[in-house]
C-alpha atoms as a PDB file:
ATOM      1  CA  MET A   1      11.299 -82.957  14.511  1.00  0.00           C
ATOM      2  CA  PHE A   2      13.600 -83.226  11.634  1.00  0.00           C
ATOM      3  CA  TRP A   3      13.062 -85.767   8.688  1.00  0.00           C
ATOM      4  CA  THR A   4      15.171 -86.115   5.879  1.00  0.00           C
ATOM      5  CA  LEU A   5      15.051 -88.629   2.605  1.00  0.00           C
ATOM      6  CA  GLU A   6      17.302 -91.387   4.450  1.00  0.00           C
ATOM      7  CA  LEU A   7      15.546 -91.445   8.329  1.00  0.00           C
ATOM      8  CA  ALA A   8      11.950 -91.190   6.146  1.00  0.00           C
ATOM      9  CA  SER A   9      13.106 -94.656   4.248  1.00  0.00           C
ATOM     10  CA  TYR A  10      13.147 -96.535   7.617  1.00  0.00           C
ATOM     11  CA  LEU A  11       9.325 -96.050   7.298  1.00  0.00           C
ATOM     12  CA  GLU A  12       8.817 -97.158   3.332  1.00  0.00           C
ATOM     13  CA  ASP A  13       7.817-100.587   4.576  1.00  0.00           C
ATOM     14  CA  ALA A  14       6.334 -99.708   7.779  1.00  0.00           C
ATOM     15  CA  PRO A  15       2.434-101.599   8.107  1.00  0.00           C
ATOM     16  CA  TRP A  16      -0.048 -98.742   6.944  1.00  0.00           C
ATOM     17  CA  PRO A  17      -1.982 -97.544   8.152  1.00  0.00           C
ATOM     18  CA  ALA A  18      -0.573 -97.646  11.475  1.00  0.00           C
ATOM     19  CA  THR A  19      -0.847 -95.970  14.975  1.00  0.00           C
ATOM     20  CA  LYS A  20       2.236 -93.972  16.510  1.00  0.00           C
ATOM     21  CA  ASP A  21       2.821 -97.107  18.662  1.00  0.00           C
ATOM     22  CA  GLU A  22       2.603 -99.384  15.932  1.00  0.00           C
ATOM     23  CA  LEU A  23       5.463 -97.149  13.901  1.00  0.00           C
ATOM     24  CA  ILE A  24       7.727 -97.073  16.796  1.00  0.00           C
ATOM     25  CA  ASP A  25       7.545-100.764  17.317  1.00  0.00           C
ATOM     26  CA  TYR A  26       8.545-100.925  13.797  1.00  0.00           C
ATOM     27  CA  ALA A  27      10.938 -98.509  14.109  1.00  0.00           C
ATOM     28  CA  ILE A  28      12.736-100.307  16.801  1.00  0.00           C
ATOM     29  CA  ARG A  29      11.811-103.376  15.798  1.00  0.00           C
ATOM     30  CA  SER A  30      13.270-103.290  11.614  1.00  0.00           C
ATOM     31  CA  GLY A  31      16.299-101.733  13.593  1.00  0.00           C
ATOM     32  CA  ALA A  32      16.189 -97.817  12.001  1.00  0.00           C
ATOM     33  CA  PRO A  33      18.363 -95.182  13.600  1.00  0.00           C
ATOM     34  CA  ILE A  34      17.339 -93.308  16.910  1.00  0.00           C
ATOM     35  CA  GLU A  35      16.813 -90.413  15.325  1.00  0.00           C
ATOM     36  CA  VAL A  36      13.383 -92.103  13.836  1.00  0.00           C
ATOM     37  CA  VAL A  37      11.826 -92.939  16.831  1.00  0.00           C
ATOM     38  CA  GLU A  38      13.029 -89.775  18.225  1.00  0.00           C
ATOM     39  CA  ASN A  39      10.494 -87.933  15.614  1.00  0.00           C
ATOM     40  CA  LEU A  40       7.835 -90.533  15.878  1.00  0.00           C
ATOM     41  CA  GLN A  41       7.589 -90.054  19.517  1.00  0.00           C
ATOM     42  CA  GLU A  42       7.492 -86.507  19.053  1.00  0.00           C
ATOM     43  CA  LEU A  43       4.212 -87.016  17.379  1.00  0.00           C
ATOM     44  CA  GLU A  44       1.211 -85.753  18.971  1.00  0.00           C
ATOM     45  CA  ASP A  45      -0.529 -88.856  20.504  1.00  0.00           C
ATOM     46  CA  GLU A  46      -4.431 -88.457  19.606  1.00  0.00           C
ATOM     47  CA  GLY A  47      -5.249 -91.898  18.813  1.00  0.00           C
ATOM     48  CA  GLU A  48      -4.501 -90.997  15.261  1.00  0.00           C
ATOM     49  CA  ILE A  49      -4.327 -93.001  12.417  1.00  0.00           C
ATOM     50  CA  TYR A  50      -1.341 -92.520   9.901  1.00  0.00           C
ATOM     51  CA  GLU A  51      -1.928 -93.715   6.142  1.00  0.00           C
ATOM     52  CA  GLY A  52       1.616 -93.318   5.046  1.00  0.00           C
ATOM     53  CA  ILE A  53       4.883 -91.212   5.760  1.00  0.00           C
ATOM     54  CA  GLU A  54       2.588 -88.239   4.007  1.00  0.00           C
ATOM     55  CA  ASP A  55       0.550 -88.024   6.898  1.00  0.00           C
ATOM     56  CA  ILE A  56       4.164 -87.403   9.340  1.00  0.00           C
ATOM     57  CA  TRP A  57       6.125 -85.268   7.226  1.00  0.00           C
ATOM     58  CA  PRO A  58       3.385 -83.459   4.437  1.00  0.00           C
ATOM     59  CA  ASP A  59       6.520 -82.268   2.331  1.00  0.00           C
ATOM     60  CA  TYR A  60       7.823 -85.875   1.443  1.00  0.00           C
ATOM     61  CA  PRO A  61       8.471 -86.133  -2.074  1.00  0.00           C
ATOM     62  CA  SER A  62       6.097 -87.921  -4.467  1.00  0.00           C
ATOM     63  CA  GLN A  63       7.345 -89.375  -7.660  1.00  0.00           C
ATOM     64  CA  ASP A  64       6.198 -86.509  -9.348  1.00  0.00           C
ATOM     65  CA  ASP A  65       8.596 -84.412  -7.406  1.00  0.00           C
ATOM     66  CA  PHE A  66      11.356 -86.012  -9.684  1.00  0.00           C
ATOM     67  CA  PHE A  67      12.221 -85.171 -12.961  1.00  0.00           C
ATOM     68  CA  PHE A  68      13.152 -87.949 -14.771  1.00  0.00           C
ATOM     69  CA  ASN A  69      11.187 -90.042 -16.934  1.00  0.00           C
ATOM     70  CA  GLU A  70      10.954 -94.125 -15.671  1.00  0.00           C
ATOM     71  CA  ASP A  71      10.017 -95.503 -19.290  1.00  0.00           C
ATOM     72  CA  GLU A  72      14.008 -94.465 -20.105  1.00  0.00           C
ATOM     73  CA  TYR A  73      15.477 -96.786 -17.460  1.00  0.00           C
END
């Protein structure tokens, strides 16, 4: 499983919280690249509910990881 910011961005508007099957369905319906669907299919399916992309990709950068001041823009 290999995530990039571009691939993860296709799940930003996903209906969180969601199960693995719901995320796969969303990715297919939203026209995400096949790599996103393949990454989701590689997740272990234990009936787990994912609260956000951070549950799938723990290294997903948050707003705190970017070094700019939002007030300046």
